[in-house]
């Protein structure tokens, strides 16, 4: 997304409200799939670590 400051440096007129919302929406649609994959990847790592620590704690006798 292009911010207002970048537009002023490029000698472009500032966006009106509807155009700014449209610009943000296009940027969000382009960014969202990558962000969701990153989130899913982090959740999978968290799940694996949780199961790993569960079994380590279970077999080492930390649960009483």
PDB file of N, CA and C in Angstrom:
ATOM      1  N   UNK A   1       0.840  -1.166   0.000  1.00  0.00           N
ATOM      2  CA  UNK A   1       0.000   0.000   0.000  1.00  0.00           C
ATOM      3  C   UNK A   1       0.889   1.235   0.000  1.00  0.00           C
ATOM      4  N   UNK A   2       0.486   2.214  -0.719  1.00  0.00           N
ATOM      5  CA  UNK A   2       1.234   3.459  -0.779  1.00  0.00           C
ATOM      6  C   UNK A   2       0.656   4.424   0.238  1.00  0.00           C
ATOM      7  N   UNK A   3       1.513   4.962   1.054  1.00  0.00           N
ATOM      8  CA  UNK A   3       1.044   5.913   2.056  1.00  0.00           C
ATOM      9  C   UNK A   3       0.969   7.304   1.455  1.00  0.00           C
ATOM     10  N   UNK A   4       0.358   8.175   2.187  1.00  0.00           N
ATOM     11  CA  UNK A   4       0.189   9.537   1.704  1.00  0.00           C
ATOM     12  C   UNK A   4       1.548  10.212   1.510  1.00  0.00           C
ATOM     13  N   UNK A   5       2.505   9.974   2.421  1.00  0.00           N
ATOM     14  CA  UNK A   5       3.827  10.593   2.303  1.00  0.00           C
ATOM     15  C   UNK A   5       4.527  10.137   1.035  1.00  0.00           C
ATOM     16  N   UNK A   6       4.412   8.844   0.705  1.00  0.00           N
ATOM     17  CA  UNK A   6       5.045   8.353  -0.516  1.00  0.00           C
ATOM     18  C   UNK A   6       4.405   8.981  -1.743  1.00  0.00           C
ATOM     19  N   UNK A   7       3.112   9.191  -1.701  1.00  0.00           N
ATOM     20  CA  UNK A   7       2.435   9.821  -2.832  1.00  0.00           C
ATOM     21  C   UNK A   7       2.881  11.277  -2.984  1.00  0.00           C
ATOM     22  N   UNK A   8       3.071  11.978  -1.865  1.00  0.00           N
ATOM     23  CA  UNK A   8       3.518  13.361  -1.961  1.00  0.00           C
ATOM     24  C   UNK A   8       4.923  13.435  -2.538  1.00  0.00           C
ATOM     25  N   UNK A   9       5.780  12.481  -2.185  1.00  0.00           N
ATOM     26  CA  UNK A   9       7.131  12.466  -2.740  1.00  0.00           C
ATOM     27  C   UNK A   9       7.111  12.147  -4.224  1.00  0.00           C
ATOM     28  N   UNK A  10       6.126  11.385  -4.678  1.00  0.00           N
ATOM     29  CA  UNK A  10       6.045  10.998  -6.081  1.00  0.00           C
ATOM     30  C   UNK A  10       5.234  12.004  -6.887  1.00  0.00           C
ATOM     31  N   UNK A  11       4.860  13.122  -6.302  1.00  0.00           N
ATOM     32  CA  UNK A  11       4.063  14.163  -6.959  1.00  0.00           C
ATOM     33  C   UNK A  11       2.740  13.627  -7.482  1.00  0.00           C
ATOM     34  N   UNK A  12       2.117  12.729  -6.716  1.00  0.00           N
ATOM     35  CA  UNK A  12       0.802  12.213  -7.070  1.00  0.00           C
ATOM     36  C   UNK A  12      -0.215  12.822  -6.118  1.00  0.00           C
ATOM     37  N   UNK A  13      -1.432  13.012  -6.593  1.00  0.00           N
ATOM     38  CA  UNK A  13      -2.447  13.583  -5.699  1.00  0.00           C
ATOM     39  C   UNK A  13      -2.802  12.597  -4.590  1.00  0.00           C
ATOM     40  N   UNK A  14      -3.161  13.101  -3.415  1.00  0.00           N
ATOM     41  CA  UNK A  14      -3.551  12.196  -2.328  1.00  0.00           C
ATOM     42  C   UNK A  14      -4.831  11.452  -2.685  1.00  0.00           C
ATOM     43  N   UNK A  15      -4.981  10.269  -2.134  1.00  0.00           N
ATOM     44  CA  UNK A  15      -6.167   9.463  -2.401  1.00  0.00           C
ATOM     45  C   UNK A  15      -7.373  10.010  -1.646  1.00  0.00           C
ATOM     46  N   UNK A  16      -8.540   9.902  -2.283  1.00  0.00           N
ATOM     47  CA  UNK A  16      -9.749  10.196  -1.526  1.00  0.00           C
ATOM     48  C   UNK A  16     -10.097   8.973  -0.685  1.00  0.00           C
ATOM     49  N   UNK A  17     -11.102   9.055   0.149  1.00  0.00           N
ATOM     50  CA  UNK A  17     -11.420   7.988   1.090  1.00  0.00           C
ATOM     51  C   UNK A  17     -11.705   6.655   0.433  1.00  0.00           C
ATOM     52  N   UNK A  18     -12.532   6.652  -0.609  1.00  0.00           N
ATOM     53  CA  UNK A  18     -12.909   5.399  -1.265  1.00  0.00           C
ATOM     54  C   UNK A  18     -11.701   4.773  -1.956  1.00  0.00           C
ATOM     55  N   UNK A  19     -10.891   5.578  -2.597  1.00  0.00           N
ATOM     56  CA  UNK A  19      -9.703   5.048  -3.269  1.00  0.00           C
ATOM     57  C   UNK A  19      -8.702   4.505  -2.253  1.00  0.00           C
ATOM     58  N   UNK A  20      -8.579   5.163  -1.106  1.00  0.00           N
ATOM     59  CA  UNK A  20      -7.665   4.680  -0.068  1.00  0.00           C
ATOM     60  C   UNK A  20      -8.130   3.335   0.471  1.00  0.00           C
ATOM     61  N   UNK A  21      -9.438   3.187   0.668  1.00  0.00           N
ATOM     62  CA  UNK A  21      -9.978   1.908   1.133  1.00  0.00           C
ATOM     63  C   UNK A  21      -9.754   0.828   0.081  1.00  0.00           C
ATOM     64  N   UNK A  22      -9.979   1.158  -1.173  1.00  0.00           N
ATOM     65  CA  UNK A  22      -9.743   0.194  -2.248  1.00  0.00           C
ATOM     66  C   UNK A  22      -8.285  -0.202  -2.341  1.00  0.00           C
ATOM     67  N   UNK A  23      -7.397   0.770  -2.178  1.00  0.00           N
ATOM     68  CA  UNK A  23      -5.959   0.494  -2.218  1.00  0.00           C
ATOM     69  C   UNK A  23      -5.558  -0.425  -1.069  1.00  0.00           C
ATOM     70  N   UNK A  24      -6.085  -0.156   0.132  1.00  0.00           N
ATOM     71  CA  UNK A  24      -5.783  -0.996   1.289  1.00  0.00           C
ATOM     72  C   UNK A  24      -6.331  -2.401   1.087  1.00  0.00           C
ATOM     73  N   UNK A  25      -7.537  -2.520   0.531  1.00  0.00           N
ATOM     74  CA  UNK A  25      -8.161  -3.826   0.323  1.00  0.00           C
ATOM     75  C   UNK A  25      -7.351  -4.671  -0.642  1.00  0.00           C
ATOM     76  N   UNK A  26      -6.891  -4.086  -1.714  1.00  0.00           N
ATOM     77  CA  UNK A  26      -6.060  -4.821  -2.673  1.00  0.00           C
ATOM     78  C   UNK A  26      -4.770  -5.275  -2.005  1.00  0.00           C
ATOM     79  N   UNK A  27      -4.150  -4.416  -1.230  1.00  0.00           N
ATOM     80  CA  UNK A  27      -2.932  -4.792  -0.515  1.00  0.00           C
ATOM     81  C   UNK A  27      -3.182  -5.896   0.485  1.00  0.00           C
ATOM     82  N   UNK A  28      -4.318  -5.826   1.187  1.00  0.00           N
ATOM     83  CA  UNK A  28      -4.654  -6.856   2.175  1.00  0.00           C
ATOM     84  C   UNK A  28      -4.867  -8.201   1.499  1.00  0.00           C
ATOM     85  N   UNK A  29      -5.582  -8.210   0.394  1.00  0.00           N
ATOM     86  CA  UNK A  29      -5.833  -9.465  -0.329  1.00  0.00           C
ATOM     87  C   UNK A  29      -4.519 -10.057  -0.822  1.00  0.00           C
ATOM     88  N   UNK A  30      -3.585  -9.230  -1.211  1.00  0.00           N
ATOM     89  CA  UNK A  30      -2.282  -9.734  -1.657  1.00  0.00           C
ATOM     90  C   UNK A  30      -1.435 -10.238  -0.495  1.00  0.00           C
ATOM     91  N   UNK A  31      -1.545  -9.613   0.681  1.00  0.00           N
ATOM     92  CA  UNK A  31      -0.732  -9.997   1.837  1.00  0.00           C
ATOM     93  C   UNK A  31      -1.329 -11.131   2.651  1.00  0.00           C
ATOM     94  N   UNK A  32      -2.640 -11.278   2.654  1.00  0.00           N
ATOM     95  CA  UNK A  32      -3.312 -12.208   3.561  1.00  0.00           C
ATOM     96  C   UNK A  32      -2.894 -13.670   3.392  1.00  0.00           C
ATOM     97  N   UNK A  33      -2.796 -14.222   2.184  1.00  0.00           N
ATOM     98  CA  UNK A  33      -2.403 -15.639   2.079  1.00  0.00           C
ATOM     99  C   UNK A  33      -1.039 -15.928   2.694  1.00  0.00           C
ATOM    100  N   UNK A  34      -0.088 -15.063   2.494  1.00  0.00           N
ATOM    101  CA  UNK A  34       1.241 -15.267   3.073  1.00  0.00           C
ATOM    102  C   UNK A  34       1.190 -15.170   4.596  1.00  0.00           C
ATOM    103  N   UNK A  35       0.455 -14.220   5.110  1.00  0.00           N
ATOM    104  CA  UNK A  35       0.336 -14.080   6.564  1.00  0.00           C
ATOM    105  C   UNK A  35      -0.362 -15.284   7.180  1.00  0.00           C
ATOM    106  N   UNK A  36      -1.384 -15.806   6.507  1.00  0.00           N
ATOM    107  CA  UNK A  36      -2.091 -16.960   7.065  1.00  0.00           C
ATOM    108  C   UNK A  36      -1.217 -18.202   7.042  1.00  0.00           C
ATOM    109  N   UNK A  37      -0.399 -18.366   6.012  1.00  0.00           N
ATOM    110  CA  UNK A  37       0.514 -19.513   5.981  1.00  0.00           C
ATOM    111  C   UNK A  37       1.553 -19.413   7.091  1.00  0.00           C
ATOM    112  N   UNK A  38       2.025 -18.222   7.349  1.00  0.00           N
ATOM    113  CA  UNK A  38       2.982 -18.022   8.437  1.00  0.00           C
ATOM    114  C   UNK A  38       2.348 -18.377   9.774  1.00  0.00           C
ATOM    115  N   UNK A  39       1.108 -17.944   9.976  1.00  0.00           N
ATOM    116  CA  UNK A  39       0.404 -18.232  11.225  1.00  0.00           C
ATOM    117  C   UNK A  39       0.186 -19.732  11.396  1.00  0.00           C
ATOM    118  N   UNK A  40      -0.239 -20.405  10.328  1.00  0.00           N
ATOM    119  CA  UNK A  40      -0.461 -21.856  10.398  1.00  0.00           C
ATOM    120  C   UNK A  40       0.846 -22.571  10.695  1.00  0.00           C
ATOM    121  N   UNK A  41       1.925 -22.147  10.085  1.00  0.00           N
ATOM    122  CA  UNK A  41       3.227 -22.758  10.343  1.00  0.00           C
ATOM    123  C   UNK A  41       3.644 -22.608  11.792  1.00  0.00           C
ATOM    124  N   UNK A  42       3.433 -21.428  12.347  1.00  0.00           N
ATOM    125  CA  UNK A  42       3.784 -21.203  13.749  1.00  0.00           C
ATOM    126  C   UNK A  42       2.914 -22.042  14.673  1.00  0.00           C
ATOM    127  N   UNK A  43       1.642 -22.212  14.341  1.00  0.00           N
ATOM    128  CA  UNK A  43       0.751 -23.040  15.149  1.00  0.00           C
ATOM    129  C   UNK A  43       1.168 -24.505  15.098  1.00  0.00           C
ATOM    130  N   UNK A  44       1.622 -24.974  13.936  1.00  0.00           N
ATOM    131  CA  UNK A  44       2.091 -26.362  13.825  1.00  0.00           C
ATOM    132  C   UNK A  44       3.343 -26.579  14.667  1.00  0.00           C
ATOM    133  N   UNK A  45       4.254 -25.645  14.639  1.00  0.00           N
ATOM    134  CA  UNK A  45       5.460 -25.752  15.465  1.00  0.00           C
ATOM    135  C   UNK A  45       5.080 -25.771  16.938  1.00  0.00           C
ATOM    136  N   UNK A  46       4.148 -24.921  17.333  1.00  0.00           N
ATOM    137  CA  UNK A  46       3.693 -24.888  18.719  1.00  0.00           C
ATOM    138  C   UNK A  46       3.069 -26.227  19.123  1.00  0.00           C
ATOM    139  N   UNK A  47       2.277 -26.824  18.246  1.00  0.00           N
ATOM    140  CA  UNK A  47       1.649 -28.113  18.544  1.00  0.00           C
ATOM    141  C   UNK A  47       2.691 -29.211  18.713  1.00  0.00           C
ATOM    142  N   UNK A  48       3.682 -29.247  17.833  1.00  0.00           N
ATOM    143  CA  UNK A  48       4.731 -30.266  17.925  1.00  0.00           C
ATOM    144  C   UNK A  48       5.505 -30.104  19.225  1.00  0.00           C
ATOM    145  N   UNK A  49       5.864 -28.883  19.572  1.00  0.00           N
ATOM    146  CA  UNK A  49       6.601 -28.647  20.817  1.00  0.00           C
ATOM    147  C   UNK A  49       5.761 -29.022  22.039  1.00  0.00           C
ATOM    148  N   UNK A  50       4.468 -28.759  21.989  1.00  0.00           N
ATOM    149  CA  UNK A  50       3.593 -29.108  23.110  1.00  0.00           C
ATOM    150  C   UNK A  50       3.566 -30.609  23.332  1.00  0.00           C
ATOM    151  N   UNK A  51       3.400 -31.365  22.255  1.00  0.00           N
ATOM    152  CA  UNK A  51       3.381 -32.828  22.368  1.00  0.00           C
ATOM    153  C   UNK A  51       4.740 -33.334  22.830  1.00  0.00           C
ATOM    154  N   UNK A  52       5.813 -32.747  22.308  1.00  0.00           N
ATOM    155  CA  UNK A  52       7.162 -33.147  22.697  1.00  0.00           C
ATOM    156  C   UNK A  52       7.375 -32.950  24.201  1.00  0.00           C
ATOM    157  N   UNK A  53       7.056 -31.772  24.705  1.00  0.00           N
ATOM    158  CA  UNK A  53       7.239 -31.512  26.133  1.00  0.00           C
ATOM    159  C   UNK A  53       6.296 -32.346  26.991  1.00  0.00           C
ATOM    160  N   UNK A  54       5.099 -32.634  26.489  1.00  0.00           N
ATOM    161  CA  UNK A  54       4.171 -33.478  27.236  1.00  0.00           C
ATOM    162  C   UNK A  54       4.775 -34.855  27.492  1.00  0.00           C
ATOM    163  N   UNK A  55       5.304 -35.481  26.436  1.00  0.00           N
ATOM    164  CA  UNK A  55       5.870 -36.815  26.606  1.00  0.00           C
ATOM    165  C   UNK A  55       7.158 -36.792  27.430  1.00  0.00           C
ATOM    166  N   UNK A  56       7.967 -35.774  27.269  1.00  0.00           N
ATOM    167  CA  UNK A  56       9.177 -35.656  28.094  1.00  0.00           C
ATOM    168  C   UNK A  56       8.791 -35.548  29.563  1.00  0.00           C
ATOM    169  N   UNK A  57       7.821 -34.701  29.867  1.00  0.00           N
ATOM    170  CA  UNK A  57       7.379 -34.547  31.254  1.00  0.00           C
ATOM    171  C   UNK A  57       6.703 -35.811  31.766  1.00  0.00           C
ATOM    172  N   UNK A  58       5.945 -36.486  30.915  1.00  0.00           N
ATOM    173  CA  UNK A  58       5.241 -37.697  31.326  1.00  0.00           C
ATOM    174  C   UNK A  58       6.220 -38.808  31.686  1.00  0.00           C
ATOM    175  N   UNK A  59       7.218 -39.034  30.840  1.00  0.00           N
ATOM    176  CA  UNK A  59       8.150 -40.139  31.062  1.00  0.00           C
ATOM    177  C   UNK A  59       9.263 -39.799  32.054  1.00  0.00           C
ATOM    178  N   UNK A  60       9.500 -38.525  32.296  1.00  0.00           N
ATOM    179  CA  UNK A  60      10.519 -38.169  33.286  1.00  0.00           C
ATOM    180  C   UNK A  60       9.940 -38.086  34.698  1.00  0.00           C
ATOM    181  N   UNK A  61       8.650 -38.291  34.847  1.00  0.00           N
ATOM    182  CA  UNK A  61       8.029 -38.324  36.162  1.00  0.00           C
ATOM    183  C   UNK A  61       7.707 -36.964  36.739  1.00  0.00           C
ATOM    184  N   UNK A  62       7.561 -35.956  35.921  1.00  0.00           N
ATOM    185  CA  UNK A  62       7.244 -34.624  36.440  1.00  0.00           C
ATOM    186  C   UNK A  62       5.782 -34.516  36.866  1.00  0.00           C
ATOM    187  N   UNK A  63       4.923 -35.402  36.336  1.00  0.00           N
ATOM    188  CA  UNK A  63       3.527 -35.426  36.772  1.00  0.00           C
ATOM    189  C   UNK A  63       3.422 -36.341  37.973  1.00  0.00           C
ATOM    190  N   UNK A  64       2.778 -35.889  39.012  1.00  0.00           N
ATOM    191  CA  UNK A  64       2.637 -36.722  40.210  1.00  0.00           C
ATOM    192  C   UNK A  64       1.200 -36.758  40.656  1.00  0.00           C
TER     193      UNK A  64
END
